[in-house]
Amino acid sequence: MTIYKKTNAEDRTMTWDLRKSNIEETMAQYRRTKIFQTTPKVEEFVNTELIEKAGLDDFDTFIKEKVDPVFPLGMSYEDWKKKAHEIDGKKA
């Protein structure tokens, strides 16, 4: 259970890899399911300038090099939780 798997591969929100096509699909789904009758254009509410200026590592590379060694894919939830508590300095 890597952070990638739980937040990016499952299309959740914790990533700095913003994909316009994913956002557009979400807006289309909102229109199809009538959550919203209309939606703004992505450019009207998403600004990637801060992310671009921050000089962040490539998200996939970051996950591979910094996250997977600590939380490898396939790690049991119990082991993941124990490791997370160790990192936070808490008792499991």
C-alpha atoms as a PDB file:
ATOM      1  CA  MET A   1       0.000   0.000   0.000  1.00  0.00           C
ATOM      2  CA  THR A   2       2.031   2.913  -1.173  1.00  0.00           C
ATOM      3  CA  ILE A   3       0.955   6.508  -0.990  1.00  0.00           C
ATOM      4  CA  TYR A   4       0.842   6.325  -4.789  1.00  0.00           C
ATOM      5  CA  LYS A   5      -1.619   3.429  -4.780  1.00  0.00           C
ATOM      6  CA  LYS A   6      -3.887   4.983  -2.183  1.00  0.00           C
ATOM      7  CA  THR A   7      -3.856   8.523  -3.517  1.00  0.00           C
ATOM      8  CA  ASN A   8      -2.917   8.579  -7.171  1.00  0.00           C
ATOM      9  CA  ALA A   9      -3.530   5.236  -8.856  1.00  0.00           C
ATOM     10  CA  GLU A  10      -7.007   5.200  -7.356  1.00  0.00           C
ATOM     11  CA  ASP A  11      -7.454   8.777  -8.597  1.00  0.00           C
ATOM     12  CA  ARG A  12      -7.586  10.463  -5.240  1.00  0.00           C
ATOM     13  CA  THR A  13      -6.300  13.940  -4.616  1.00  0.00           C
ATOM     14  CA  MET A  14      -2.924  13.760  -2.899  1.00  0.00           C
ATOM     15  CA  THR A  15      -0.538  14.382  -5.783  1.00  0.00           C
ATOM     16  CA  TRP A  16       1.178  17.274  -7.426  1.00  0.00           C
ATOM     17  CA  ASP A  17       0.843  15.632 -10.831  1.00  0.00           C
ATOM     18  CA  LEU A  18      -2.190  17.510 -12.117  1.00  0.00           C
ATOM     19  CA  ARG A  19      -3.617  16.044 -15.285  1.00  0.00           C
ATOM     20  CA  LYS A  20      -6.016  18.284 -17.139  1.00  0.00           C
ATOM     21  CA  SER A  21      -7.715  15.275 -18.744  1.00  0.00           C
ATOM     22  CA  ASN A  22      -8.555  13.792 -15.317  1.00  0.00           C
ATOM     23  CA  ILE A  23     -10.062  17.065 -14.142  1.00  0.00           C
ATOM     24  CA  GLU A  24     -12.046  17.432 -17.353  1.00  0.00           C
ATOM     25  CA  GLU A  25     -13.393  13.882 -16.956  1.00  0.00           C
ATOM     26  CA  THR A  26     -14.453  14.648 -13.385  1.00  0.00           C
ATOM     27  CA  MET A  27     -16.311  17.746 -14.572  1.00  0.00           C
ATOM     28  CA  ALA A  28     -17.984  15.699 -17.339  1.00  0.00           C
ATOM     29  CA  GLN A  29     -19.061  13.119 -14.758  1.00  0.00           C
ATOM     30  CA  TYR A  30     -20.561  15.879 -12.609  1.00  0.00           C
ATOM     31  CA  ARG A  31     -22.570  17.048 -15.624  1.00  0.00           C
ATOM     32  CA  ARG A  32     -23.653  13.498 -16.582  1.00  0.00           C
ATOM     33  CA  THR A  33     -24.850  12.722 -13.084  1.00  0.00           C
ATOM     34  CA  LYS A  34     -26.431  16.171 -12.816  1.00  0.00           C
ATOM     35  CA  ILE A  35     -24.415  17.132  -9.752  1.00  0.00           C
ATOM     36  CA  PHE A  36     -23.854  20.343 -11.720  1.00  0.00           C
ATOM     37  CA  GLN A  37     -25.718  21.455 -14.809  1.00  0.00           C
ATOM     38  CA  THR A  38     -22.664  23.319 -16.060  1.00  0.00           C
ATOM     39  CA  THR A  39     -19.052  23.395 -14.991  1.00  0.00           C
ATOM     40  CA  PRO A  40     -16.317  25.965 -15.553  1.00  0.00           C
ATOM     41  CA  LYS A  41     -13.401  25.365 -17.873  1.00  0.00           C
ATOM     42  CA  VAL A  42     -10.440  23.803 -16.075  1.00  0.00           C
ATOM     43  CA  GLU A  43      -8.329  26.919 -16.720  1.00  0.00           C
ATOM     44  CA  GLU A  44     -10.854  28.974 -14.738  1.00  0.00           C
ATOM     45  CA  PHE A  45     -10.184  27.162 -11.451  1.00  0.00           C
ATOM     46  CA  VAL A  46      -6.860  25.296 -11.770  1.00  0.00           C
ATOM     47  CA  ASN A  47      -3.601  27.216 -11.719  1.00  0.00           C
ATOM     48  CA  THR A  48      -0.403  25.153 -11.894  1.00  0.00           C
ATOM     49  CA  GLU A  49       1.974  28.128 -11.632  1.00  0.00           C
ATOM     50  CA  LEU A  50       2.939  27.494  -7.997  1.00  0.00           C
ATOM     51  CA  ILE A  51       3.656  23.820  -8.645  1.00  0.00           C
ATOM     52  CA  GLU A  52       5.734  24.668 -11.704  1.00  0.00           C
ATOM     53  CA  LYS A  53       7.764  27.290  -9.809  1.00  0.00           C
ATOM     54  CA  ALA A  54       8.334  25.006  -6.805  1.00  0.00           C
ATOM     55  CA  GLY A  55      10.682  22.757  -8.765  1.00  0.00           C
ATOM     56  CA  LEU A  56       9.182  19.600  -7.311  1.00  0.00           C
ATOM     57  CA  ASP A  57      10.514  16.172  -8.159  1.00  0.00           C
ATOM     58  CA  ASP A  58       8.610  14.160 -10.732  1.00  0.00           C
ATOM     59  CA  PHE A  59       5.798  12.545  -8.746  1.00  0.00           C
ATOM     60  CA  ASP A  60       6.330   9.016 -10.091  1.00  0.00           C
ATOM     61  CA  THR A  61      10.079   9.214  -9.438  1.00  0.00           C
ATOM     62  CA  PHE A  62       9.469  10.532  -5.919  1.00  0.00           C
ATOM     63  CA  ILE A  63       7.133   7.627  -5.144  1.00  0.00           C
ATOM     64  CA  LYS A  64       9.564   5.071  -6.594  1.00  0.00           C
ATOM     65  CA  GLU A  65      12.627   6.426  -4.792  1.00  0.00           C
ATOM     66  CA  LYS A  66      11.247   7.769  -1.500  1.00  0.00           C
ATOM     67  CA  VAL A  67       7.953   6.014  -0.772  1.00  0.00           C
ATOM     68  CA  ASP A  68       8.141   2.505  -2.204  1.00  0.00           C
ATOM     69  CA  PRO A  69      11.287   1.583  -0.205  1.00  0.00           C
ATOM     70  CA  VAL A  70       9.444   2.440   3.033  1.00  0.00           C
ATOM     71  CA  PHE A  71       5.906   1.397   2.063  1.00  0.00           C
ATOM     72  CA  PRO A  72       6.271  -1.238  -0.680  1.00  0.00           C
ATOM     73  CA  LEU A  73       3.320  -2.120  -2.853  1.00  0.00           C
ATOM     74  CA  GLY A  74       1.596  -5.171  -1.400  1.00  0.00           C
ATOM     75  CA  MET A  75       2.508  -4.342   2.198  1.00  0.00           C
ATOM     76  CA  SER A  76      -0.253  -5.488   4.534  1.00  0.00           C
ATOM     77  CA  TYR A  77      -2.341  -2.803   6.161  1.00  0.00           C
ATOM     78  CA  GLU A  78      -1.165  -3.925   9.592  1.00  0.00           C
ATOM     79  CA  ASP A  79       2.501  -3.570   8.581  1.00  0.00           C
ATOM     80  CA  TRP A  80       1.769  -0.250   6.855  1.00  0.00           C
ATOM     81  CA  LYS A  81       0.059   1.102   9.967  1.00  0.00           C
ATOM     82  CA  LYS A  82       2.879  -0.103  12.230  1.00  0.00           C
ATOM     83  CA  LYS A  83       5.490   1.567  10.003  1.00  0.00           C
ATOM     84  CA  ALA A  84       3.463   4.787   9.816  1.00  0.00           C
ATOM     85  CA  HIS A  85       3.266   4.897  13.614  1.00  0.00           C
ATOM     86  CA  GLU A  86       7.021   4.269  13.874  1.00  0.00           C
ATOM     87  CA  ILE A  87       7.682   7.197  11.566  1.00  0.00           C
ATOM     88  CA  ASP A  88       5.340   9.401  13.600  1.00  0.00           C
ATOM     89  CA  GLY A  89       6.955   8.255  16.843  1.00  0.00           C
ATOM     90  CA  LYS A  90       3.724   6.717  18.130  1.00  0.00           C
ATOM     91  CA  LYS A  91       3.033   3.306  19.578  1.00  0.00           C
ATOM     92  CA  ALA A  92       0.877   1.149  17.313  1.00  0.00           C
END
